Protein backbone atom coordinates (compact mmCIF):
# COMPACT_ATOMS: atom_id res chain seq x y z
CA GLY A 1 0.28 0.42 0.39
CA TYR A 2 1.10 4.01 -0.02
CA ASP A 3 3.17 4.83 2.58
CA GLY A 4 3.39 8.31 2.00
CA ASP A 5 5.32 11.09 4.40
CA TYR A 6 2.74 13.21 6.14
CA LEU A 7 3.52 16.13 7.63
CA GLY A 8 3.10 17.90 10.56
CA PRO A 9 -0.39 20.16 9.11
CA GLU A 10 -1.30 16.77 7.07
CA ARG A 11 -1.59 14.76 9.96
CA SER A 12 -3.70 18.25 11.77
CA GLN A 13 -6.29 17.82 9.54
CA VAL A 14 -6.62 14.74 8.50
CA ASP A 15 -6.97 14.84 12.94
CA ASN A 16 -9.55 17.61 13.29
CA ALA A 17 -11.44 16.17 10.89
CA LEU A 18 -12.01 12.05 12.95
CA ALA A 19 -12.96 15.10 15.84
CA SER A 20 -15.42 16.72 13.86
CA LEU A 21 -17.32 12.82 13.06
CA ASP A 22 -17.61 13.20 17.08
CA LYS A 23 -18.81 16.86 17.40
CA PHE A 24 -21.81 15.91 14.88
CA ASP A 25 -22.89 13.94 17.14
CA GLN A 26 -22.81 15.56 20.05
CA LEU A 27 -25.02 19.01 18.06
CA PRO A 28 -28.63 19.27 20.42
CA ILE A 29 -30.06 19.79 17.39
CA LYS A 30 -30.44 16.91 14.82
CA THR A 31 -32.98 15.32 12.58
CA LYS A 32 -32.99 11.76 10.29
CA VAL A 33 -33.48 12.72 6.44
CA LYS A 34 -35.17 10.25 4.21
CA THR A 35 -33.02 9.02 2.48
CA SER A 36 -33.53 7.01 -1.28
CA SER A 37 -31.49 3.47 -0.47
CA PRO A 38 -32.45 1.53 2.41
CA LEU A 39 -29.03 0.97 3.53
CA ALA A 40 -27.91 4.16 3.64
CA SER A 41 -28.75 6.91 6.26
CA SER A 42 -28.86 10.26 6.90
CA GLU A 43 -28.83 13.69 9.63
CA ILE A 44 -28.64 17.32 9.56
CA GLY A 45 -27.71 18.65 12.73
CA ARG A 46 -26.75 22.39 13.78
CA LYS A 47 -26.28 25.08 15.97
CA PRO A 48 -29.25 27.16 17.37
CA LYS A 49 -28.56 30.51 15.98
CA GLU A 50 -25.90 29.34 13.42
CA SER A 51 -25.27 29.40 9.39
CA MET A 52 -22.91 26.03 10.00
CA ALA A 53 -25.46 23.47 9.33
CA TRP A 54 -24.21 19.65 9.13
CA GLY A 55 -24.88 16.89 7.71
CA LYS A 56 -23.57 13.29 7.27
CA SER A 57 -24.60 10.18 5.92
CA GLU A 58 -23.81 6.45 6.61
CA ILE A 59 -23.78 2.87 3.41
CA LEU A 60 -23.03 0.48 3.49
CA VAL A 61 -20.23 -0.57 0.02
CA ARG A 62 -20.01 -2.99 -2.41
CA ALA A 63 -16.13 -2.53 -3.55
CA SER A 64 -12.67 -2.03 -1.79
CA MET A 65 -11.74 0.67 0.84
CA GLU A 66 -9.81 1.57 -2.05
CA GLN A 67 -12.12 1.12 -4.86
CA VAL A 68 -13.91 3.77 -2.82
CA LEU A 69 -10.99 6.29 -2.13
CA ALA A 70 -10.25 6.61 -5.78
CA PHE A 71 -14.04 7.60 -6.74
CA MET A 72 -13.76 9.91 -4.49
CA TRP A 73 -10.46 11.55 -4.58
CA HIS A 74 -11.19 11.76 -8.36
CA PHE A 75 -14.14 14.15 -7.98
CA ASP A 76 -13.47 16.14 -11.23
CA SER A 77 -14.22 12.36 -13.22
CA ARG A 78 -17.65 12.64 -15.12
CA ALA A 79 -18.96 9.89 -12.95
CA ARG A 80 -18.68 12.27 -10.49
CA ARG A 81 -19.97 15.64 -13.19
CA LYS A 82 -23.34 16.84 -11.89
CA GLU A 83 -25.81 19.51 -13.11
CA ASN A 84 -25.53 22.00 -10.98
CA ASP A 85 -21.69 21.78 -11.38
CA LEU A 86 -19.81 25.15 -12.55
CA GLU A 87 -16.62 23.79 -12.15
CA LYS A 88 -14.19 21.45 -10.24
CA THR A 89 -10.68 21.92 -9.71
CA ILE A 90 -7.79 20.12 -9.03
CA VAL A 91 -5.33 23.50 -8.61
CA GLU A 92 -2.30 22.11 -6.53
CA THR A 93 -1.18 19.38 -6.22
CA LYS A 94 0.97 18.37 -3.13
CA SER A 95 1.09 14.67 -2.91
CA LEU A 96 0.29 12.19 -4.30
CA HIS A 97 -2.05 12.23 -0.88
CA HIS A 98 -3.23 15.68 -0.90
CA VAL A 99 -4.07 18.20 -3.74
CA ILE A 100 -5.32 21.79 -2.94
CA ALA A 101 -9.04 21.34 -4.54
CA CYS A 102 -11.92 23.42 -6.47
CA VAL A 103 -15.39 23.24 -6.46
CA CYS A 104 -18.16 26.00 -7.84
CA LYS A 105 -22.11 25.05 -7.90
CA LYS A 106 -24.20 26.95 -10.49
CA GLY A 107 -25.63 30.06 -8.59
CA THR A 108 -29.75 30.16 -8.37
CA LYS A 109 -31.99 31.99 -10.00
CA GLY A 110 -36.24 33.60 -9.67
CA LEU A 111 -36.95 34.11 -6.59
CA LEU A 112 -33.85 33.64 -5.00
CA LYS A 113 -31.26 35.05 -6.85
CA LEU A 114 -28.07 33.40 -5.45
CA LEU A 115 -25.00 33.67 -7.21
CA PRO A 116 -21.92 30.87 -7.80
CA ARG A 117 -20.66 29.27 -4.58
CA GLU A 118 -17.62 28.18 -5.23
CA SER A 119 -14.95 26.40 -2.05
CA ILE A 120 -11.20 25.79 -1.80
CA ASN A 121 -10.07 22.61 0.31
CA SER A 122 -6.98 21.04 1.31
CA ASN A 123 -7.53 17.65 0.41
CA VAL A 124 -5.56 14.77 2.09
CA TRP A 125 -6.11 11.30 2.75
CA LYS A 126 -4.76 9.02 5.00
CA ARG A 127 -5.26 5.16 5.87
CA MET A 128 -4.99 4.67 9.59
CA GLY A 129 -3.61 1.30 10.59
CA ASP A 130 -5.36 -1.52 7.81
CA ASN A 131 -9.09 -0.73 8.71
CA SER A 132 -10.24 2.97 7.16
CA ILE A 133 -9.24 5.33 5.33
CA VAL A 134 -9.73 9.30 6.05
CA VAL A 135 -9.89 11.34 3.78
CA ALA A 136 -10.07 15.41 5.23
CA GLY A 137 -10.99 18.38 3.09
CA THR A 138 -10.00 21.75 5.35
CA PRO A 139 -11.37 24.98 3.79
CA THR A 140 -8.26 27.04 2.54
CA THR A 141 -7.10 30.02 0.01
CA HIS A 142 -5.36 29.80 -2.58
CA ASP A 143 -2.63 32.60 -4.46
CA ASN A 144 -3.68 30.81 -8.05
CA ARG A 145 -7.88 31.17 -6.49
CA GLY A 146 -8.74 34.57 -5.87
CA ILE A 147 -12.21 35.94 -4.43
CA THR A 148 -14.22 37.97 -7.80
CA LYS A 149 -17.54 39.93 -7.60
CA GLU A 150 -18.65 36.52 -9.83
CA ARG A 151 -18.93 33.32 -6.86
CA VAL A 152 -19.16 33.29 -3.70
CA ARG A 153 -16.48 31.99 -1.57
CA ILE A 154 -18.10 29.31 1.01
CA SER A 155 -16.78 27.27 3.59
CA VAL A 156 -17.44 23.70 2.83
CA PRO A 157 -15.13 20.97 5.73
CA PHE A 158 -16.02 17.68 5.75
CA VAL A 159 -14.61 14.24 6.53
CA ILE A 160 -15.11 10.48 5.14
CA ASN A 161 -14.47 7.78 6.55
CA ILE A 162 -13.81 4.63 4.70
CA GLU A 163 -14.50 1.66 7.04
CA LYS A 164 -13.52 -1.91 6.07
CA GLN A 165 -16.38 -4.92 6.67
CA SER A 166 -15.70 -8.16 7.44
CA ASP A 167 -17.57 -9.53 4.11
CA GLU A 168 -15.67 -7.18 2.00
CA SER A 169 -18.01 -4.44 1.78
CA CYS A 170 -17.23 -1.32 3.67
CA LYS A 171 -18.85 1.44 5.93
CA PHE A 172 -18.81 4.60 3.86
CA THR A 173 -19.44 7.62 6.16
CA TYR A 174 -19.15 11.16 4.85
CA CYS A 175 -19.56 14.31 7.09
CA GLN A 176 -20.22 17.57 5.55
CA SER A 177 -20.20 20.73 6.79
CA LEU A 178 -22.12 24.08 4.27
CA GLY A 179 -22.09 27.81 5.18
CA MET A 180 -23.94 29.16 2.49
CA GLY A 181 -21.92 32.18 2.25
CA GLU A 182 -23.01 36.06 4.01
CA LEU A 183 -25.97 36.43 1.75
CA VAL A 184 -28.73 34.09 2.27
CA PRO A 185 -30.10 34.66 5.76
CA ASN A 186 -30.32 32.82 8.03
CA ALA A 187 -34.27 32.37 9.07
CA ILE A 188 -33.35 30.20 5.32
CA LEU A 189 -31.09 27.66 6.53
């Protein structure tokens, strides 16, 4: 398997992302969300009066941890494109386990007009022993991606925990936070 050298900040990023899974479980307001698959469970949560909301989903996937990691790591692949994507780009490759990535979603039209939402994340993946791989996405900045008037910069921290199961499947846990930017009133969230 991959045995790359992880710098202190990369290790801290992974540790902090894992800690956010525990923080989600301690949120005072959580609501179960209906999923399209009976194999999945999802919840959203937040602290009262905060504009930052968190979502957590879990599902059993019939694939190896490495296959799931490859699918998630290559977020800009054709298989991961969605209709509301404006851009999915690797801004900088720092190593095989660390990239700076940009994702931009289309804005909205109609009654509530919102500019496109753009996030810049430092994404790091790390194998945690033989039975787990973690992907940590932490909001960052990059000299090649300044803030523009045409897009609203949002913060989208996330953590993916891929845990090997005894039957060659894996448990996939995805926890993401989403701040909608300053232009969305808290009452809408």
